[in-house]
Amino acid sequence: MVWVLAPWLVAVLLILLALRLLALEDFNLQASGWGLLGSAAICFSIGCVCRVSLLLAERR
């Protein structure tokens, strides 16, 4: 069951790191922050798919 929460935990960590990079004045680091936000969105969606898969598997 822990594996279902792992993508969401990674997404939260990526968002925190991205916000820290976006707060800096260096444009190159800000660009990396936007990339991390995209990665966080992907991790969040993977977490949603894992959760739905787990619920469907428990239904049987």
N, C-alpha and C. Protein backbone atom coordinates (compact mmCIF):
# COMPACT_ATOMS: atom_id res chain seq x y z
N MET A 1 0.82 -1.20 0.00
CA MET A 1 0.00 0.00 0.00
C MET A 1 0.86 1.27 0.00
N VAL A 2 2.06 1.18 0.53
CA VAL A 2 2.94 2.36 0.58
C VAL A 2 3.34 2.80 -0.82
N TRP A 3 3.46 1.85 -1.73
CA TRP A 3 3.87 2.20 -3.09
C TRP A 3 2.85 3.11 -3.77
N VAL A 4 1.62 3.09 -3.30
CA VAL A 4 0.60 3.96 -3.89
C VAL A 4 0.86 5.42 -3.51
N LEU A 5 1.38 5.64 -2.33
CA LEU A 5 1.62 7.01 -1.86
C LEU A 5 2.95 7.58 -2.34
N ALA A 6 3.87 6.72 -2.76
CA ALA A 6 5.21 7.17 -3.15
C ALA A 6 5.21 8.22 -4.26
N PRO A 7 4.45 8.06 -5.34
CA PRO A 7 4.48 9.10 -6.38
C PRO A 7 3.97 10.46 -5.88
N TRP A 8 3.01 10.44 -4.97
CA TRP A 8 2.51 11.71 -4.43
C TRP A 8 3.54 12.36 -3.51
N LEU A 9 4.27 11.56 -2.76
CA LEU A 9 5.32 12.10 -1.91
C LEU A 9 6.43 12.72 -2.75
N VAL A 10 6.79 12.04 -3.82
CA VAL A 10 7.80 12.58 -4.73
C VAL A 10 7.30 13.86 -5.37
N ALA A 11 6.03 13.91 -5.73
CA ALA A 11 5.46 15.11 -6.34
C ALA A 11 5.54 16.30 -5.37
N VAL A 12 5.25 16.05 -4.11
CA VAL A 12 5.33 17.13 -3.11
C VAL A 12 6.77 17.62 -2.97
N LEU A 13 7.72 16.70 -2.92
CA LEU A 13 9.13 17.10 -2.82
C LEU A 13 9.58 17.90 -4.04
N LEU A 14 9.14 17.48 -5.22
CA LEU A 14 9.49 18.20 -6.44
C LEU A 14 8.88 19.60 -6.46
N ILE A 15 7.67 19.72 -5.97
CA ILE A 15 7.02 21.04 -5.92
C ILE A 15 7.78 21.97 -4.98
N LEU A 16 8.17 21.45 -3.83
CA LEU A 16 8.92 22.28 -2.88
C LEU A 16 10.25 22.73 -3.48
N LEU A 17 10.95 21.81 -4.12
CA LEU A 17 12.21 22.18 -4.75
C LEU A 17 12.00 23.16 -5.90
N ALA A 18 10.95 22.95 -6.68
CA ALA A 18 10.66 23.85 -7.80
C ALA A 18 10.34 25.25 -7.30
N LEU A 19 9.55 25.35 -6.25
CA LEU A 19 9.22 26.68 -5.71
C LEU A 19 10.47 27.39 -5.19
N ARG A 20 11.36 26.61 -4.61
CA ARG A 20 12.61 27.22 -4.14
C ARG A 20 13.44 27.74 -5.31
N LEU A 21 13.51 26.97 -6.39
CA LEU A 21 14.26 27.41 -7.56
C LEU A 21 13.58 28.60 -8.25
N LEU A 22 12.27 28.61 -8.28
CA LEU A 22 11.55 29.72 -8.92
C LEU A 22 11.70 31.03 -8.15
N ALA A 23 11.98 30.93 -6.86
CA ALA A 23 12.14 32.14 -6.04
C ALA A 23 13.50 32.80 -6.26
N LEU A 24 14.44 32.09 -6.87
CA LEU A 24 15.77 32.65 -7.11
C LEU A 24 15.74 33.59 -8.30
N GLU A 25 16.75 34.45 -8.37
CA GLU A 25 16.80 35.44 -9.45
C GLU A 25 17.53 34.92 -10.68
N ASP A 26 18.19 33.79 -10.59
CA ASP A 26 18.94 33.24 -11.72
C ASP A 26 17.96 32.59 -12.71
N PHE A 27 17.97 33.08 -13.94
CA PHE A 27 17.01 32.60 -14.95
C PHE A 27 17.20 31.12 -15.24
N ASN A 28 18.45 30.65 -15.28
CA ASN A 28 18.70 29.23 -15.59
C ASN A 28 18.10 28.34 -14.51
N LEU A 29 18.20 28.74 -13.27
CA LEU A 29 17.62 27.95 -12.19
C LEU A 29 16.09 28.03 -12.21
N GLN A 30 15.55 29.16 -12.61
CA GLN A 30 14.09 29.28 -12.72
C GLN A 30 13.56 28.35 -13.80
N ALA A 31 14.29 28.23 -14.90
CA ALA A 31 13.87 27.32 -15.96
C ALA A 31 13.86 25.88 -15.46
N SER A 32 14.84 25.54 -14.63
CA SER A 32 14.86 24.19 -14.04
C SER A 32 13.68 24.01 -13.10
N GLY A 33 13.29 25.07 -12.42
CA GLY A 33 12.12 25.01 -11.54
C GLY A 33 10.85 24.71 -12.30
N TRP A 34 10.69 25.32 -13.48
CA TRP A 34 9.50 25.02 -14.30
C TRP A 34 9.51 23.59 -14.77
N GLY A 35 10.70 23.08 -15.09
CA GLY A 35 10.81 21.68 -15.49
C GLY A 35 10.44 20.74 -14.35
N LEU A 36 10.83 21.09 -13.14
CA LEU A 36 10.48 20.27 -11.98
C LEU A 36 8.98 20.30 -11.71
N LEU A 37 8.34 21.41 -11.99
CA LEU A 37 6.88 21.45 -11.83
C LEU A 37 6.20 20.48 -12.79
N GLY A 38 6.73 20.40 -14.00
CA GLY A 38 6.20 19.43 -14.96
C GLY A 38 6.41 18.01 -14.49
N SER A 39 7.57 17.74 -13.94
CA SER A 39 7.85 16.41 -13.41
C SER A 39 6.94 16.08 -12.23
N ALA A 40 6.66 17.08 -11.41
CA ALA A 40 5.75 16.88 -10.27
C ALA A 40 4.35 16.54 -10.77
N ALA A 41 3.92 17.19 -11.83
CA ALA A 41 2.59 16.89 -12.38
C ALA A 41 2.53 15.46 -12.91
N ILE A 42 3.62 15.00 -13.52
CA ILE A 42 3.66 13.62 -14.01
C ILE A 42 3.61 12.65 -12.85
N CYS A 43 4.39 12.92 -11.79
CA CYS A 43 4.38 12.04 -10.61
C CYS A 43 3.00 12.01 -9.96
N PHE A 44 2.34 13.16 -9.92
CA PHE A 44 1.00 13.21 -9.34
C PHE A 44 0.03 12.35 -10.15
N SER A 45 0.12 12.44 -11.47
CA SER A 45 -0.79 11.65 -12.30
C SER A 45 -0.49 10.16 -12.18
N ILE A 46 0.78 9.79 -12.04
CA ILE A 46 1.13 8.39 -11.82
C ILE A 46 0.54 7.91 -10.51
N GLY A 47 0.57 8.76 -9.48
CA GLY A 47 -0.05 8.40 -8.20
C GLY A 47 -1.54 8.18 -8.33
N CYS A 48 -2.19 8.99 -9.15
CA CYS A 48 -3.63 8.81 -9.38
C CYS A 48 -3.92 7.49 -10.07
N VAL A 49 -3.10 7.14 -11.06
CA VAL A 49 -3.28 5.87 -11.77
C VAL A 49 -3.05 4.70 -10.81
N CYS A 50 -2.05 4.81 -9.96
CA CYS A 50 -1.77 3.74 -8.99
C CYS A 50 -2.95 3.56 -8.04
N ARG A 51 -3.50 4.67 -7.59
CA ARG A 51 -4.62 4.60 -6.65
C ARG A 51 -5.84 3.96 -7.30
N VAL A 52 -6.15 4.36 -8.52
CA VAL A 52 -7.29 3.80 -9.23
C VAL A 52 -7.07 2.31 -9.48
N SER A 53 -5.85 1.94 -9.86
CA SER A 53 -5.54 0.53 -10.09
C SER A 53 -5.71 -0.28 -8.84
N LEU A 54 -5.27 0.25 -7.70
CA LEU A 54 -5.41 -0.45 -6.44
C LEU A 54 -6.89 -0.61 -6.07
N LEU A 55 -7.67 0.42 -6.25
CA LEU A 55 -9.10 0.33 -5.93
C LEU A 55 -9.80 -0.68 -6.83
N LEU A 56 -9.44 -0.71 -8.10
CA LEU A 56 -10.05 -1.69 -9.01
C LEU A 56 -9.63 -3.11 -8.66
N ALA A 57 -8.39 -3.29 -8.23
CA ALA A 57 -7.92 -4.62 -7.87
C ALA A 57 -8.58 -5.11 -6.59
N GLU A 58 -8.86 -4.21 -5.66
CA GLU A 58 -9.51 -4.59 -4.41
C GLU A 58 -10.98 -4.89 -4.60
N ARG A 59 -11.56 -4.39 -5.66
CA ARG A 59 -12.98 -4.59 -5.93
C ARG A 59 -13.30 -6.03 -6.31
N ARG A 60 -12.35 -6.70 -6.92
CA ARG A 60 -12.59 -8.07 -7.41
C ARG A 60 -12.69 -9.03 -6.32
